[in-house]
PDB file of N, CA and C in Angstrom:
ATOM      1  N   MET A   1       0.836  -1.177   0.000  1.00  0.00           N
ATOM      2  CA  MET A   1       0.000   0.000   0.000  1.00  0.00           C
ATOM      3  C   MET A   1       0.880   1.238   0.000  1.00  0.00           C
ATOM      4  N   ARG A   2       0.326   2.296  -0.543  1.00  0.00           N
ATOM      5  CA  ARG A   2       0.976   3.597  -0.415  1.00  0.00           C
ATOM      6  C   ARG A   2      -0.108   4.628  -0.124  1.00  0.00           C
ATOM      7  N   ALA A   3       0.284   5.716   0.510  1.00  0.00           N
ATOM      8  CA  ALA A   3      -0.687   6.716   0.937  1.00  0.00           C
ATOM      9  C   ALA A   3      -0.209   8.114   0.573  1.00  0.00           C
ATOM     10  N   GLU A   4      -1.179   8.977   0.308  1.00  0.00           N
ATOM     11  CA  GLU A   4      -0.927  10.387   0.040  1.00  0.00           C
ATOM     12  C   GLU A   4      -1.811  11.195   0.966  1.00  0.00           C
ATOM     13  N   GLN A   5      -1.228  12.129   1.712  1.00  0.00           N
ATOM     14  CA  GLN A   5      -1.995  12.932   2.651  1.00  0.00           C
ATOM     15  C   GLN A   5      -2.374  14.266   2.019  1.00  0.00           C
ATOM     16  N   TYR A   6      -3.638  14.642   2.202  1.00  0.00           N
ATOM     17  CA  TYR A   6      -4.173  15.920   1.748  1.00  0.00           C
ATOM     18  C   TYR A   6      -4.911  16.551   2.921  1.00  0.00           C
ATOM     19  N   GLY A   7      -4.193  17.271   3.770  1.00  0.00           N
ATOM     20  CA  GLY A   7      -4.804  17.854   4.960  1.00  0.00           C
ATOM     21  C   GLY A   7      -5.267  16.766   5.905  1.00  0.00           C
ATOM     22  N   ALA A   8      -6.560  16.765   6.234  1.00  0.00           N
ATOM     23  CA  ALA A   8      -7.115  15.761   7.145  1.00  0.00           C
ATOM     24  C   ALA A   8      -7.560  14.499   6.416  1.00  0.00           C
ATOM     25  N   GLU A   9      -7.334  14.428   5.103  1.00  0.00           N
ATOM     26  CA  GLU A   9      -7.699  13.250   4.323  1.00  0.00           C
ATOM     27  C   GLU A   9      -6.455  12.507   3.854  1.00  0.00           C
ATOM     28  N   ILE A  10      -6.595  11.189   3.735  1.00  0.00           N
ATOM     29  CA  ILE A  10      -5.509  10.351   3.247  1.00  0.00           C
ATOM     30  C   ILE A  10      -6.072   9.470   2.140  1.00  0.00           C
ATOM     31  N   LEU A  11      -5.404   9.472   0.997  1.00  0.00           N
ATOM     32  CA  LEU A  11      -5.778   8.604  -0.111  1.00  0.00           C
ATOM     33  C   LEU A  11      -4.841   7.403  -0.086  1.00  0.00           C
ATOM     34  N   ILE A  12      -5.410   6.208   0.047  1.00  0.00           N
ATOM     35  CA  ILE A  12      -4.626   4.983   0.129  1.00  0.00           C
ATOM     36  C   ILE A  12      -4.826   4.185  -1.153  1.00  0.00           C
ATOM     37  N   HIS A  13      -3.721   3.758  -1.743  1.00  0.00           N
ATOM     38  CA  HIS A  13      -3.746   2.935  -2.953  1.00  0.00           C
ATOM     39  C   HIS A  13      -3.292   1.533  -2.589  1.00  0.00           C
ATOM     40  N   GLY A  14      -4.003   0.517  -3.095  1.00  0.00           N
ATOM     41  CA  GLY A  14      -3.587  -0.859  -2.911  1.00  0.00           C
ATOM     42  C   GLY A  14      -2.326  -1.142  -3.711  1.00  0.00           C
ATOM     43  N   ALA A  15      -1.713  -2.262  -3.446  1.00  0.00           N
ATOM     44  CA  ALA A  15      -0.443  -2.622  -4.096  1.00  0.00           C
ATOM     45  C   ALA A  15      -0.563  -2.669  -5.614  1.00  0.00           C
ATOM     46  N   SER A  16      -1.703  -3.090  -6.131  1.00  0.00           N
ATOM     47  CA  SER A  16      -1.874  -3.198  -7.580  1.00  0.00           C
ATOM     48  C   SER A  16      -2.355  -1.894  -8.202  1.00  0.00           C
ATOM     49  N   ASN A  17      -2.612  -0.881  -7.397  1.00  0.00           N
ATOM     50  CA  ASN A  17      -3.206   0.390  -7.830  1.00  0.00           C
ATOM     51  C   ASN A  17      -4.590   0.209  -8.437  1.00  0.00           C
ATOM     52  N   HIS A  18      -5.181  -0.973  -8.277  1.00  0.00           N
ATOM     53  CA  HIS A  18      -6.522  -1.227  -8.792  1.00  0.00           C
ATOM     54  C   HIS A  18      -7.579  -0.679  -7.835  1.00  0.00           C
ATOM     55  N   LEU A  19      -7.333  -0.800  -6.549  1.00  0.00           N
ATOM     56  CA  LEU A  19      -8.280  -0.342  -5.538  1.00  0.00           C
ATOM     57  C   LEU A  19      -7.670   0.791  -4.733  1.00  0.00           C
ATOM     58  N   SER A  20      -8.506   1.744  -4.349  1.00  0.00           N
ATOM     59  CA  SER A  20      -8.044   2.823  -3.494  1.00  0.00           C
ATOM     60  C   SER A  20      -9.183   3.230  -2.569  1.00  0.00           C
ATOM     61  N   GLU A  21      -8.838   3.937  -1.532  1.00  0.00           N
ATOM     62  CA  GLU A  21      -9.831   4.401  -0.558  1.00  0.00           C
ATOM     63  C   GLU A  21      -9.361   5.729  -0.002  1.00  0.00           C
ATOM     64  N   ARG A  22     -10.297   6.642   0.196  1.00  0.00           N
ATOM     65  CA  ARG A  22      -9.999   7.934   0.811  1.00  0.00           C
ATOM     66  C   ARG A  22     -10.608   7.925   2.210  1.00  0.00           C
ATOM     67  N   ILE A  23      -9.772   8.137   3.212  1.00  0.00           N
ATOM     68  CA  ILE A  23     -10.248   8.205   4.587  1.00  0.00           C
ATOM     69  C   ILE A  23     -10.025   9.629   5.095  1.00  0.00           C
ATOM     70  N   ALA A  24     -10.751   9.977   6.151  1.00  0.00           N
ATOM     71  CA  ALA A  24     -10.625  11.315   6.711  1.00  0.00           C
ATOM     72  C   ALA A  24     -10.605  11.241   8.224  1.00  0.00           C
ATOM     73  N   CYS A  25      -9.867  12.149   8.814  1.00  0.00           N
ATOM     74  CA  CYS A  25      -9.836  12.291  10.263  1.00  0.00           C
ATOM     75  C   CYS A  25     -10.703  13.493  10.605  1.00  0.00           C
ATOM     76  N   ARG A  26     -11.817  13.233  11.301  1.00  0.00           N
ATOM     77  CA  ARG A  26     -12.722  14.320  11.667  1.00  0.00           C
ATOM     78  C   ARG A  26     -13.478  13.958  12.946  1.00  0.00           C
ATOM     79  N   PRO A  27     -14.079  14.952  13.581  1.00  0.00           N
ATOM     80  CA  PRO A  27     -14.809  14.673  14.834  1.00  0.00           C
ATOM     81  C   PRO A  27     -16.038  13.799  14.591  1.00  0.00           C
ATOM     82  N   ASP A  28     -16.320  12.929  15.565  1.00  0.00           N
ATOM     83  CA  ASP A  28     -17.548  12.146  15.514  1.00  0.00           C
ATOM     84  C   ASP A  28     -18.657  12.946  16.196  1.00  0.00           C
ATOM     85  N   THR A  29     -19.795  12.316  16.435  1.00  0.00           N
ATOM     86  CA  THR A  29     -20.939  13.025  17.021  1.00  0.00           C
ATOM     87  C   THR A  29     -20.675  13.511  18.445  1.00  0.00           C
ATOM     88  N   GLN A  30     -19.703  12.898  19.148  1.00  0.00           N
ATOM     89  CA  GLN A  30     -19.342  13.336  20.496  1.00  0.00           C
ATOM     90  C   GLN A  30     -18.185  14.336  20.495  1.00  0.00           C
ATOM     91  N   GLY A  31     -17.662  14.650  19.311  1.00  0.00           N
ATOM     92  CA  GLY A  31     -16.558  15.597  19.212  1.00  0.00           C
ATOM     93  C   GLY A  31     -15.178  14.967  19.294  1.00  0.00           C
ATOM     94  N   ASP A  32     -15.095  13.622  19.390  1.00  0.00           N
ATOM     95  CA  ASP A  32     -13.808  12.928  19.418  1.00  0.00           C
ATOM     96  C   ASP A  32     -13.304  12.739  17.994  1.00  0.00           C
ATOM     97  N   LEU A  33     -11.991  12.950  17.787  1.00  0.00           N
ATOM     98  CA  LEU A  33     -11.417  12.736  16.464  1.00  0.00           C
ATOM     99  C   LEU A  33     -11.387  11.250  16.143  1.00  0.00           C
ATOM    100  N   ARG A  34     -11.921  10.887  14.997  1.00  0.00           N
ATOM    101  CA  ARG A  34     -11.977   9.499  14.542  1.00  0.00           C
ATOM    102  C   ARG A  34     -11.624   9.438  13.063  1.00  0.00           C
ATOM    103  N   TRP A  35     -11.200   8.251  12.632  1.00  0.00           N
ATOM    104  CA  TRP A  35     -10.993   7.987  11.205  1.00  0.00           C
ATOM    105  C   TRP A  35     -12.328   7.574  10.613  1.00  0.00           C
ATOM    106  N   HIS A  36     -12.642   8.080   9.416  1.00  0.00           N
ATOM    107  CA  HIS A  36     -13.899   7.772   8.736  1.00  0.00           C
ATOM    108  C   HIS A  36     -13.624   7.263   7.326  1.00  0.00           C
ATOM    109  N   TRP A  37     -14.431   6.267   6.901  1.00  0.00           N
ATOM    110  CA  TRP A  37     -14.387   5.793   5.524  1.00  0.00           C
ATOM    111  C   TRP A  37     -14.925   6.881   4.605  1.00  0.00           C
ATOM    112  N   SER A  38     -14.685   6.759   3.309  1.00  0.00           N
ATOM    113  CA  SER A  38     -15.137   7.755   2.336  1.00  0.00           C
ATOM    114  C   SER A  38     -16.661   7.900   2.334  1.00  0.00           C
ATOM    115  N   TRP A  39     -17.383   6.882   2.752  1.00  0.00           N
ATOM    116  CA  TRP A  39     -18.846   6.946   2.780  1.00  0.00           C
ATOM    117  C   TRP A  39     -19.368   7.496   4.109  1.00  0.00           C
ATOM    118  N   GLY A  40     -18.453   8.013   4.976  1.00  0.00           N
ATOM    119  CA  GLY A  40     -18.858   8.724   6.183  1.00  0.00           C
ATOM    120  C   GLY A  40     -18.950   7.912   7.456  1.00  0.00           C
ATOM    121  N   VAL A  41     -18.779   6.618   7.376  1.00  0.00           N
ATOM    122  CA  VAL A  41     -18.889   5.751   8.544  1.00  0.00           C
ATOM    123  C   VAL A  41     -17.550   5.709   9.291  1.00  0.00           C
ATOM    124  N   PRO A  42     -17.580   5.867  10.630  1.00  0.00           N
ATOM    125  CA  PRO A  42     -16.324   5.749  11.389  1.00  0.00           C
ATOM    126  C   PRO A  42     -15.724   4.354  11.235  1.00  0.00           C
ATOM    127  N   ILE A  43     -14.411   4.279  11.217  1.00  0.00           N
ATOM    128  CA  ILE A  43     -13.710   3.009  11.055  1.00  0.00           C
ATOM    129  C   ILE A  43     -13.570   2.339  12.408  1.00  0.00           C
ATOM    130  N   GLY A  44     -14.034   1.086  12.494  1.00  0.00           N
ATOM    131  CA  GLY A  44     -13.936   0.305  13.723  1.00  0.00           C
ATOM    132  C   GLY A  44     -12.821  -0.721  13.634  1.00  0.00           C
ATOM    133  N   ARG A  45     -12.545  -1.342  14.762  1.00  0.00           N
ATOM    134  CA  ARG A  45     -11.530  -2.402  14.807  1.00  0.00           C
ATOM    135  C   ARG A  45     -12.019  -3.608  14.013  1.00  0.00           C
ATOM    136  N   ILE A  46     -11.096  -4.354  13.442  1.00  0.00           N
ATOM    137  CA  ILE A  46     -11.447  -5.550  12.678  1.00  0.00           C
ATOM    138  C   ILE A  46     -12.105  -6.591  13.575  1.00  0.00           C
ATOM    139  N   ASP A  47     -11.551  -6.788  14.768  1.00  0.00           N
ATOM    140  CA  ASP A  47     -12.068  -7.825  15.668  1.00  0.00           C
ATOM    141  C   ASP A  47     -13.258  -7.366  16.509  1.00  0.00           C
ATOM    142  N   ASP A  48     -13.588  -6.066  16.499  1.00  0.00           N
ATOM    143  CA  ASP A  48     -14.712  -5.534  17.266  1.00  0.00           C
ATOM    144  C   ASP A  48     -15.147  -4.222  16.620  1.00  0.00           C
ATOM    145  N   SER A  49     -16.009  -4.307  15.622  1.00  0.00           N
ATOM    146  CA  SER A  49     -16.373  -3.119  14.845  1.00  0.00           C
ATOM    147  C   SER A  49     -17.127  -2.074  15.662  1.00  0.00           C
ATOM    148  N   ASP A  50     -17.641  -2.454  16.839  1.00  0.00           N
ATOM    149  CA  ASP A  50     -18.296  -1.475  17.703  1.00  0.00           C
ATOM    150  C   ASP A  50     -17.286  -0.564  18.396  1.00  0.00           C
ATOM    151  N   ARG A  51     -16.038  -0.992  18.462  1.00  0.00           N
ATOM    152  CA  ARG A  51     -14.983  -0.174  19.078  1.00  0.00           C
ATOM    153  C   ARG A  51     -14.326   0.662  17.985  1.00  0.00           C
ATOM    154  N   LEU A  52     -14.612   1.951  17.970  1.00  0.00           N
ATOM    155  CA  LEU A  52     -14.113   2.838  16.928  1.00  0.00           C
ATOM    156  C   LEU A  52     -12.651   3.168  17.146  1.00  0.00           C
ATOM    157  N   LEU A  53     -11.955   3.366  16.045  1.00  0.00           N
ATOM    158  CA  LEU A  53     -10.540   3.731  16.111  1.00  0.00           C
ATOM    159  C   LEU A  53     -10.397   5.211  16.388  1.00  0.00           C
ATOM    160  N   ASP A  54      -9.432   5.569  17.227  1.00  0.00           N
ATOM    161  CA  ASP A  54      -9.118   6.986  17.385  1.00  0.00           C
ATOM    162  C   ASP A  54      -7.881   7.301  16.565  1.00  0.00           C
ATOM    163  N   VAL A  55      -7.464   8.537  16.576  1.00  0.00           N
ATOM    164  CA  VAL A  55      -6.389   8.960  15.674  1.00  0.00           C
ATOM    165  C   VAL A  55      -5.056   8.286  15.964  1.00  0.00           C
ATOM    166  N   ASP A  56      -4.864   7.736  17.161  1.00  0.00           N
ATOM    167  CA  ASP A  56      -3.602   7.093  17.516  1.00  0.00           C
ATOM    168  C   ASP A  56      -3.550   5.606  17.191  1.00  0.00           C
ATOM    169  N   ASP A  57      -4.658   5.019  16.755  1.00  0.00           N
ATOM    170  CA  ASP A  57      -4.719   3.582  16.439  1.00  0.00           C
ATOM    171  C   ASP A  57      -4.244   3.311  15.016  1.00  0.00           C
ATOM    172  N   VAL A  58      -3.047   3.762  14.689  1.00  0.00           N
ATOM    173  CA  VAL A  58      -2.555   3.695  13.312  1.00  0.00           C
ATOM    174  C   VAL A  58      -2.373   2.252  12.840  1.00  0.00           C
ATOM    175  N   GLN A  59      -1.808   1.384  13.663  1.00  0.00           N
ATOM    176  CA  GLN A  59      -1.587  -0.016  13.240  1.00  0.00           C
ATOM    177  C   GLN A  59      -2.905  -0.704  12.922  1.00  0.00           C
ATOM    178  N   GLU A  60      -3.908  -0.498  13.766  1.00  0.00           N
ATOM    179  CA  GLU A  60      -5.214  -1.100  13.518  1.00  0.00           C
ATOM    180  C   GLU A  60      -5.874  -0.462  12.299  1.00  0.00           C
ATOM    181  N   LEU A  61      -5.634   0.818  12.091  1.00  0.00           N
ATOM    182  CA  LEU A  61      -6.148   1.507  10.914  1.00  0.00           C
ATOM    183  C   LEU A  61      -5.582   0.882   9.637  1.00  0.00           C
ATOM    184  N   VAL A  62      -4.290   0.621   9.623  1.00  0.00           N
ATOM    185  CA  VAL A  62      -3.650  -0.002   8.463  1.00  0.00           C
ATOM    186  C   VAL A  62      -4.239  -1.387   8.218  1.00  0.00           C
ATOM    187  N   ARG A  63      -4.474  -2.154   9.277  1.00  0.00           N
ATOM    188  CA  ARG A  63      -5.087  -3.483   9.118  1.00  0.00           C
ATOM    189  C   ARG A  63      -6.475  -3.376   8.498  1.00  0.00           C
ATOM    190  N   SER A  64      -7.276  -2.421   8.967  1.00  0.00           N
ATOM    191  CA  SER A  64      -8.636  -2.249   8.444  1.00  0.00           C
ATOM    192  C   SER A  64      -8.624  -1.833   6.988  1.00  0.00           C
ATOM    193  N   ILE A  65      -7.777  -0.874   6.657  1.00  0.00           N
ATOM    194  CA  ILE A  65      -7.712  -0.381   5.283  1.00  0.00           C
ATOM    195  C   ILE A  65      -7.220  -1.461   4.334  1.00  0.00           C
ATOM    196  N   SER A  66      -6.251  -2.256   4.787  1.00  0.00           N
ATOM    197  CA  SER A  66      -5.708  -3.302   3.907  1.00  0.00           C
ATOM    198  C   SER A  66      -6.779  -4.326   3.540  1.00  0.00           C
ATOM    199  N   LYS A  67      -7.780  -4.509   4.381  1.00  0.00           N
ATOM    200  CA  LYS A  67      -8.881  -5.427   4.063  1.00  0.00           C
ATOM    201  C   LYS A  67      -9.736  -4.877   2.922  1.00  0.00           C
ATOM    202  N   VAL A  68      -9.663  -3.557   2.697  1.00  0.00           N
ATOM    203  CA  VAL A  68     -10.453  -2.921   1.642  1.00  0.00           C
ATOM    204  C   VAL A  68      -9.654  -2.776   0.356  1.00  0.00           C
ATOM    205  N   VAL A  69      -8.427  -2.293   0.428  1.00  0.00           N
ATOM    206  CA  VAL A  69      -7.673  -1.970  -0.797  1.00  0.00           C
ATOM    207  C   VAL A  69      -6.684  -3.056  -1.227  1.00  0.00           C
ATOM    208  N   CYS A  70      -6.506  -4.102  -0.439  1.00  0.00           N
ATOM    209  CA  CYS A  70      -5.542  -5.154  -0.802  1.00  0.00           C
ATOM    210  C   CYS A  70      -6.237  -6.478  -1.069  1.00  0.00           C
ATOM    211  N   VAL A  71      -7.436  -6.415  -1.605  1.00  0.00           N
ATOM    212  CA  VAL A  71      -8.172  -7.625  -1.945  1.00  0.00           C
ATOM    213  C   VAL A  71      -7.524  -8.229  -3.186  1.00  0.00           C
ATOM    214  N   PRO A  72      -7.148  -9.519  -3.148  1.00  0.00           N
ATOM    215  CA  PRO A  72      -6.541 -10.138  -4.331  1.00  0.00           C
ATOM    216  C   PRO A  72      -7.537 -10.156  -5.494  1.00  0.00           C
ATOM    217  N   LEU A  73      -7.067  -9.813  -6.645  1.00  0.00           N
ATOM    218  CA  LEU A  73      -7.915  -9.817  -7.834  1.00  0.00           C
ATOM    219  C   LEU A  73      -7.993 -11.215  -8.426  1.00  0.00           C
ATOM    220  N   ARG A  74      -9.167 -11.592  -8.853  1.00  0.00           N
ATOM    221  CA  ARG A  74      -9.343 -12.869  -9.531  1.00  0.00           C
ATOM    222  C   ARG A  74      -9.131 -12.666 -11.010  1.00  0.00           C
ATOM    223  N   ARG A  75      -8.398 -13.540 -11.610  1.00  0.00           N
ATOM    224  CA  ARG A  75      -8.140 -13.446 -13.044  1.00  0.00           C
ATOM    225  C   ARG A  75      -8.994 -14.500 -13.740  1.00  0.00           C
ATOM    226  N   SER A  76      -9.713 -14.084 -14.752  1.00  0.00           N
ATOM    227  CA  SER A  76     -10.560 -15.043 -15.478  1.00  0.00           C
ATOM    228  C   SER A  76      -9.701 -15.894 -16.401  1.00  0.00           C
ATOM    229  N   GLY A  77     -10.172 -17.093 -16.655  1.00  0.00           N
ATOM    230  CA  GLY A  77      -9.474 -18.000 -17.564  1.00  0.00           C
ATOM    231  C   GLY A  77      -8.341 -18.774 -16.929  1.00  0.00           C
ATOM    232  N   MET A  78      -8.235 -18.748 -15.628  1.00  0.00           N
ATOM    233  CA  MET A  78      -7.142 -19.484 -14.981  1.00  0.00           C
ATOM    234  C   MET A  78      -7.665 -20.747 -14.361  1.00  0.00           C
TER     235      MET A  78
END
C-alpha cells in the first residue's frame, strides 16, 4: 500500500493500484477525532467493529484499510 496525505484526508492505494480508498480524520458526534471511511462511517476495529478507532490507532487503521484496498484480484481464464 501507499498513501498520500491531503490535509485531514488520506488517499490509500492498494499494491496493484486497482483499488483505493480515501479516509478522513474528523470529529464524531461526540466531538472525538476518529478515522472515517469515504462513505462517512467511522472506522472500527477488525475484531470488534463497535470499538471505533481513534487517531492514535494507526496499526489497527492499516489493518482495516488493507482489508479494503488489498483484496486479491481474480483473473478469469485461470
